[in-house]
Protein backbone atom coordinates (compact mmCIF):
# COMPACT_ATOMS: atom_id res chain seq x y z
CA MET A 1 290.66 240.83 233.53
CA LEU A 2 291.52 239.46 230.10
CA ASN A 3 289.45 241.89 228.03
CA GLN A 4 292.46 243.02 225.98
CA MET A 5 293.72 239.49 225.34
CA PRO A 6 292.79 237.54 222.23
CA SER A 7 289.75 235.42 223.14
CA GLU A 8 291.43 232.20 221.99
CA SER A 9 293.98 232.57 224.80
CA TRP A 10 291.48 233.16 227.64
CA LYS A 11 290.99 229.52 228.60
CA SER A 12 294.68 228.63 228.72
CA ILE A 13 295.38 231.67 230.92
CA TYR A 14 292.34 231.14 233.11
CA ASP A 15 293.28 227.48 233.68
CA ARG A 16 296.55 228.64 235.31
CA PHE A 17 294.84 230.97 237.79
CA VAL A 18 294.86 230.04 241.46
CA TYR A 19 292.48 231.12 244.20
CA GLU A 20 292.99 234.49 245.81
CA SER A 21 292.86 234.86 249.55
CA GLY A 22 289.25 235.61 250.45
CA ARG A 23 290.42 237.41 253.55
CA ALA A 24 292.83 239.66 251.68
CA ALA A 25 290.24 240.43 249.02
CA SER A 26 287.71 241.27 251.72
CA GLU A 27 290.13 243.50 253.61
CA ILE A 28 290.98 245.40 250.43
CA GLY A 29 287.50 245.49 248.90
CA PHE A 30 285.58 246.21 252.08
CA TRP A 31 288.22 248.28 253.87
CA LEU A 32 285.55 250.60 255.23
CA PHE A 33 284.14 247.77 257.34
CA ASP A 34 287.49 246.42 258.54
CA SER A 35 287.92 247.59 262.13
CA LYS A 36 291.57 246.47 262.12
CA MET A 37 292.32 248.54 258.98
CA ALA A 38 294.51 245.74 257.66
CA ALA A 39 294.79 247.29 254.20
CA LYS A 40 295.61 250.80 255.42
CA VAL A 41 299.01 252.11 254.44
CA ASP A 42 300.59 255.21 255.98
CA GLU A 43 301.96 256.83 252.84
CA THR A 44 304.36 258.98 254.87
CA LYS A 45 306.30 255.83 255.76
CA VAL A 46 306.76 254.79 252.13
CA THR A 47 310.08 256.29 251.09
CA CYS A 48 311.16 253.97 248.30
CA PRO A 49 310.38 254.71 244.65
CA VAL A 50 306.95 253.49 243.57
CA LEU A 51 305.96 252.76 239.98
CA VAL A 52 302.21 252.85 239.34
CA ILE A 53 301.27 251.31 235.99
CA ALA A 54 297.77 251.48 234.56
CA GLY A 55 296.05 250.07 231.53
CA GLU A 56 293.52 252.60 230.29
CA LYS A 57 291.09 249.81 229.38
CA ASP A 58 291.40 248.00 232.71
CA ARG A 59 287.95 246.79 233.83
CA ILE A 60 289.16 245.53 237.23
CA VAL A 61 291.03 248.56 238.56
CA PRO A 62 289.67 251.75 236.97
CA ILE A 63 292.20 254.30 235.78
CA SER A 64 290.80 256.74 238.34
CA VAL A 65 291.94 254.39 241.12
CA THR A 66 295.50 254.11 239.83
CA ARG A 67 295.63 257.89 239.53
CA LYS A 68 294.58 258.17 243.18
CA VAL A 69 297.25 255.66 244.20
CA ALA A 70 299.89 257.67 242.34
CA GLU A 71 298.62 260.86 243.96
CA LYS A 72 298.70 259.27 247.42
CA TYR A 73 302.38 258.43 246.95
CA LYS A 74 303.16 261.52 244.87
CA ASN A 75 306.41 262.23 246.71
CA VAL A 76 307.91 258.92 245.58
CA SER A 77 305.75 257.71 242.70
CA THR A 78 305.94 257.63 238.95
CA HIS A 79 302.61 257.06 237.21
CA LYS A 80 302.39 255.69 233.68
CA GLU A 81 299.24 254.89 231.75
CA PHE A 82 299.24 252.63 228.73
CA PRO A 83 296.47 253.08 226.16
CA ASP A 84 295.01 249.92 224.61
CA HIS A 85 295.91 247.88 227.68
CA GLY A 86 293.69 246.31 230.28
CA HIS A 87 294.43 244.63 233.59
CA TRP A 88 296.61 241.79 232.27
CA VAL A 89 299.40 244.10 231.10
CA ILE A 90 302.10 241.46 231.56
CA GLY A 91 300.67 239.22 228.89
CA GLU A 92 298.65 241.38 226.54
CA PRO A 93 299.75 242.06 222.99
CA GLY A 94 302.23 244.92 223.21
CA TRP A 95 303.53 243.89 226.65
CA GLN A 96 307.06 244.49 225.40
CA GLU A 97 306.52 248.27 225.47
CA ILE A 98 305.53 248.03 229.12
CA ALA A 99 308.48 245.78 229.97
CA GLU A 100 310.85 248.22 228.27
CA TYR A 101 309.33 251.12 230.21
CA ILE A 102 309.74 249.24 233.50
CA GLU A 103 313.33 248.33 232.65
CA LEU A 104 314.14 251.97 231.84
CA TRP A 105 312.41 253.17 235.02
CA LEU A 106 314.34 250.65 237.12
CA HIS A 107 317.63 251.61 235.51
CA GLN A 108 317.02 255.34 236.01
CA THR A 109 315.71 254.86 239.54
CA LEU A 110 318.51 252.58 240.68
CA SER A 111 321.14 254.85 239.11
CA LYS A 112 320.12 257.85 241.24
CA PRO A 113 322.24 258.58 244.29
CA ALA A 114 320.52 257.75 247.57
């Protein structure tokens, strides 16, 4: 998760992590075995704009997965990949470029007539 962060910052970041929900992780990771389909989303019901951001060096969520997510929501999604970024895009060196992109996307998206 922190593969694009300077190694000297790993411990301080890791020490702030909290436990994930085991149930949620199981429902997402083992969706095929979940008879209740808790993680299933009917993409036809998603009508709001969706921004899908990917770090090309993400070792947790492969770029192929984010591309599939963007494709699933293609009617409402914008997909942006950032080279030299991993999973921890909000804190990695160069995060400002991503924040600026998000700000621009929000401004453009919110400025469009409904």
